Amino acid sequence: MNIFKRIEVWILLVLVGAGIVFVLMTNRDGGDGDGDGDGGSGRGTRFVVKKTTVKRDYGNFEAEIALTYDNRSGGEIDTATAAKLIGENGKRIPVFFLAIAMPPKIPAGKKNDLSLRFWLEPEDVKGSLSLEILGENVEVKNGTPLDPESIPNQEKRTYEGTEWK
């Protein structure tokens, strides 16, 4: 008996092939499938950093980054796992949060203003920093070194650009 003479086998092969093509052609982040990560708008990244507030806490720093994020995907984004701060040496710094103040979630299909907090060590503020959310990067601090001793303990400084002085 030749298996390829049965119509059921041919129908099954066509369905499996169509399923494979569908999976390979679908964009995972819910965009338009053009692969540029901007949802087809041509504007580039989905978020803009508005300001960064840095507070020295003895030897370390707490950085709060205020940003606007345009979530064009089909699902909610959990910033606790999707956002990272990347240091000059490639160090990945996760979002800092307390159990009573969890990081925000970004609803699907909305443009939101939000703040993310990061706990930085002194060597982190000496080089450049970029914020990464779902593979998209925006520079938060350029490579101009910031002397950790120039900020008194418990003092806050707000930076609206990428040059921290």
Protein backbone atom coordinates (compact mmCIF):
# COMPACT_ATOMS: atom_id res chain seq x y z
CA MET A 1 0.00 0.00 0.00
CA ASN A 2 1.40 3.40 -1.01
CA ILE A 3 0.74 5.99 1.74
CA PHE A 4 0.78 8.99 -0.65
CA LYS A 5 -2.26 7.68 -2.56
CA ARG A 6 -4.52 8.54 0.39
CA ILE A 7 -6.20 11.96 0.36
CA GLU A 8 -6.03 12.26 4.15
CA VAL A 9 -2.21 12.26 4.05
CA TRP A 10 -2.16 15.05 1.45
CA ILE A 11 -4.62 17.17 3.48
CA LEU A 12 -2.53 16.66 6.60
CA LEU A 13 0.69 17.65 4.78
CA VAL A 14 -0.93 20.83 3.42
CA LEU A 15 -2.23 21.80 6.89
CA VAL A 16 1.16 21.19 8.53
CA GLY A 17 2.91 23.20 5.81
CA ALA A 18 0.46 26.10 6.22
CA GLY A 19 1.00 26.02 9.98
CA ILE A 20 4.78 26.19 9.58
CA VAL A 21 4.54 29.12 7.15
CA PHE A 22 2.17 30.93 9.54
CA VAL A 23 4.52 30.53 12.51
CA LEU A 24 7.57 31.66 10.55
CA MET A 25 5.81 34.72 9.10
CA THR A 26 4.20 35.95 12.34
CA ASN A 27 5.93 38.74 14.30
CA ARG A 28 6.18 37.66 17.95
CA ASP A 29 5.81 41.11 19.54
CA GLY A 30 2.48 41.76 17.86
CA GLY A 31 3.84 44.34 15.42
CA ASP A 32 3.10 44.57 11.73
CA GLY A 33 5.59 41.87 10.73
CA ASP A 34 8.03 44.13 8.90
CA GLY A 35 10.78 43.28 11.38
CA ASP A 36 11.87 46.82 12.19
CA GLY A 37 10.33 46.79 15.65
CA ASP A 38 8.54 50.12 15.28
CA GLY A 39 5.06 48.80 14.53
CA GLY A 40 5.13 50.17 10.98
CA SER A 41 5.19 53.83 11.99
CA GLY A 42 8.78 54.40 10.89
CA ARG A 43 9.42 56.45 14.06
CA GLY A 44 12.01 54.08 15.53
CA THR A 45 11.82 53.03 19.16
CA ARG A 46 8.62 52.77 21.12
CA PHE A 47 9.84 54.77 24.09
CA VAL A 48 11.38 58.11 24.97
CA VAL A 49 13.31 58.86 28.15
CA LYS A 50 12.10 62.17 29.58
CA LYS A 51 14.36 62.53 32.62
CA THR A 52 16.51 60.59 35.05
CA THR A 53 16.65 61.33 38.77
CA VAL A 54 19.71 60.01 40.60
CA LYS A 55 19.89 59.81 44.40
CA ARG A 56 23.05 58.82 46.20
CA ASP A 57 22.52 56.32 49.00
CA TYR A 58 25.86 56.05 50.79
CA GLY A 59 28.08 54.18 48.31
CA ASN A 60 25.40 53.36 45.74
CA PHE A 61 22.83 55.19 43.63
CA GLU A 62 19.12 54.87 43.00
CA ALA A 63 18.23 55.96 39.47
CA GLU A 64 14.60 56.65 38.59
CA ILE A 65 14.02 56.89 34.84
CA ALA A 66 10.83 58.64 33.70
CA LEU A 67 9.75 57.63 30.21
CA THR A 68 6.86 57.42 27.81
CA TYR A 69 6.25 53.99 26.25
CA ASP A 70 3.96 53.33 23.29
CA ASN A 71 2.88 49.70 23.62
CA ARG A 72 1.77 48.71 20.12
CA SER A 73 1.91 45.01 20.91
CA GLY A 74 -1.09 42.81 21.51
CA GLY A 75 -0.23 42.06 25.12
CA GLU A 76 0.62 43.65 28.43
CA ILE A 77 4.32 44.24 29.13
CA ASP A 78 5.72 43.43 32.57
CA THR A 79 8.58 45.89 33.06
CA ALA A 80 10.03 43.78 35.90
CA THR A 81 11.25 41.29 33.31
CA ALA A 82 11.21 43.27 30.05
CA ALA A 83 13.31 46.30 31.09
CA LYS A 84 17.07 46.31 31.78
CA LEU A 85 19.69 49.00 32.14
CA ILE A 86 22.86 48.15 30.25
CA GLY A 87 26.20 49.52 31.42
CA GLU A 88 29.20 50.44 29.33
CA ASN A 89 30.88 47.12 30.08
CA GLY A 90 27.76 45.15 29.06
CA LYS A 91 26.56 44.69 32.63
CA ARG A 92 22.79 44.13 32.69
CA ILE A 93 21.08 45.83 35.63
CA PRO A 94 17.54 44.64 36.43
CA VAL A 95 14.67 46.87 37.54
CA PHE A 96 14.81 47.57 41.27
CA PHE A 97 11.58 47.21 43.20
CA LEU A 98 10.16 46.53 46.63
CA ALA A 99 7.32 44.15 47.38
CA ILE A 100 5.10 47.10 48.30
CA ALA A 101 5.96 49.02 45.10
CA MET A 102 6.13 46.64 42.16
CA PRO A 103 7.29 47.95 38.76
CA PRO A 104 4.50 49.02 36.43
CA LYS A 105 2.90 46.92 33.74
CA ILE A 106 2.19 48.57 30.39
CA PRO A 107 -1.29 47.80 29.01
CA ALA A 108 -1.58 46.64 25.41
CA GLY A 109 -2.24 49.24 22.74
CA LYS A 110 -1.66 52.28 24.96
CA LYS A 111 0.86 55.07 25.35
CA ASN A 112 1.89 55.39 29.00
CA ASP A 113 4.08 57.57 31.17
CA LEU A 114 5.93 55.50 33.74
CA SER A 115 8.98 55.41 35.99
CA LEU A 116 11.47 52.61 36.40
CA ARG A 117 13.95 52.39 39.27
CA PHE A 118 17.42 50.88 39.13
CA TRP A 119 20.03 50.30 41.83
CA LEU A 120 23.47 51.37 40.59
CA GLU A 121 26.94 50.79 41.92
CA PRO A 122 29.58 53.57 41.75
CA GLU A 123 31.29 52.08 38.68
CA ASP A 124 27.95 52.04 36.81
CA VAL A 125 27.71 55.86 36.81
CA LYS A 126 31.26 56.29 35.51
CA GLY A 127 30.38 55.08 32.00
CA SER A 128 27.48 55.09 29.56
CA LEU A 129 24.08 53.58 30.35
CA SER A 130 21.27 52.58 27.99
CA LEU A 131 17.76 51.40 28.75
CA GLU A 132 16.59 48.27 26.96
CA ILE A 133 12.94 47.26 26.77
CA LEU A 134 12.08 44.21 24.65
CA GLY A 135 15.28 44.52 22.62
CA GLU A 136 14.99 48.27 21.88
CA ASN A 137 17.69 50.55 23.32
CA VAL A 138 17.74 54.24 24.20
CA GLU A 139 20.76 56.01 25.67
CA VAL A 140 20.17 57.28 29.21
CA LYS A 141 23.71 58.44 30.03
CA ASN A 142 26.55 59.10 27.63
CA GLY A 143 30.15 58.08 28.33
CA THR A 144 31.03 61.26 30.23
CA PRO A 145 32.21 60.00 33.63
CA LEU A 146 30.33 61.09 36.73
CA ASP A 147 32.42 61.22 39.89
CA PRO A 148 30.39 59.30 42.49
CA GLU A 149 31.80 61.54 45.22
CA SER A 150 30.43 64.69 43.52
CA ILE A 151 26.90 63.90 44.77
CA PRO A 152 26.43 64.25 48.53
CA ASN A 153 24.69 61.41 50.37
CA GLN A 154 20.85 61.41 50.10
CA GLU A 155 20.91 64.25 47.53
CA LYS A 156 18.86 63.95 44.34
CA ARG A 157 19.94 65.24 40.95
CA THR A 158 17.73 65.33 37.88
CA TYR A 159 19.13 65.01 34.35
CA GLU A 160 17.01 65.70 31.28
CA GLY A 161 19.64 64.72 28.74
CA THR A 162 22.28 62.05 28.48
CA GLU A 163 25.09 64.16 29.94
CA TRP A 164 25.26 63.78 33.70
CA LYS A 165 27.46 66.42 35.35
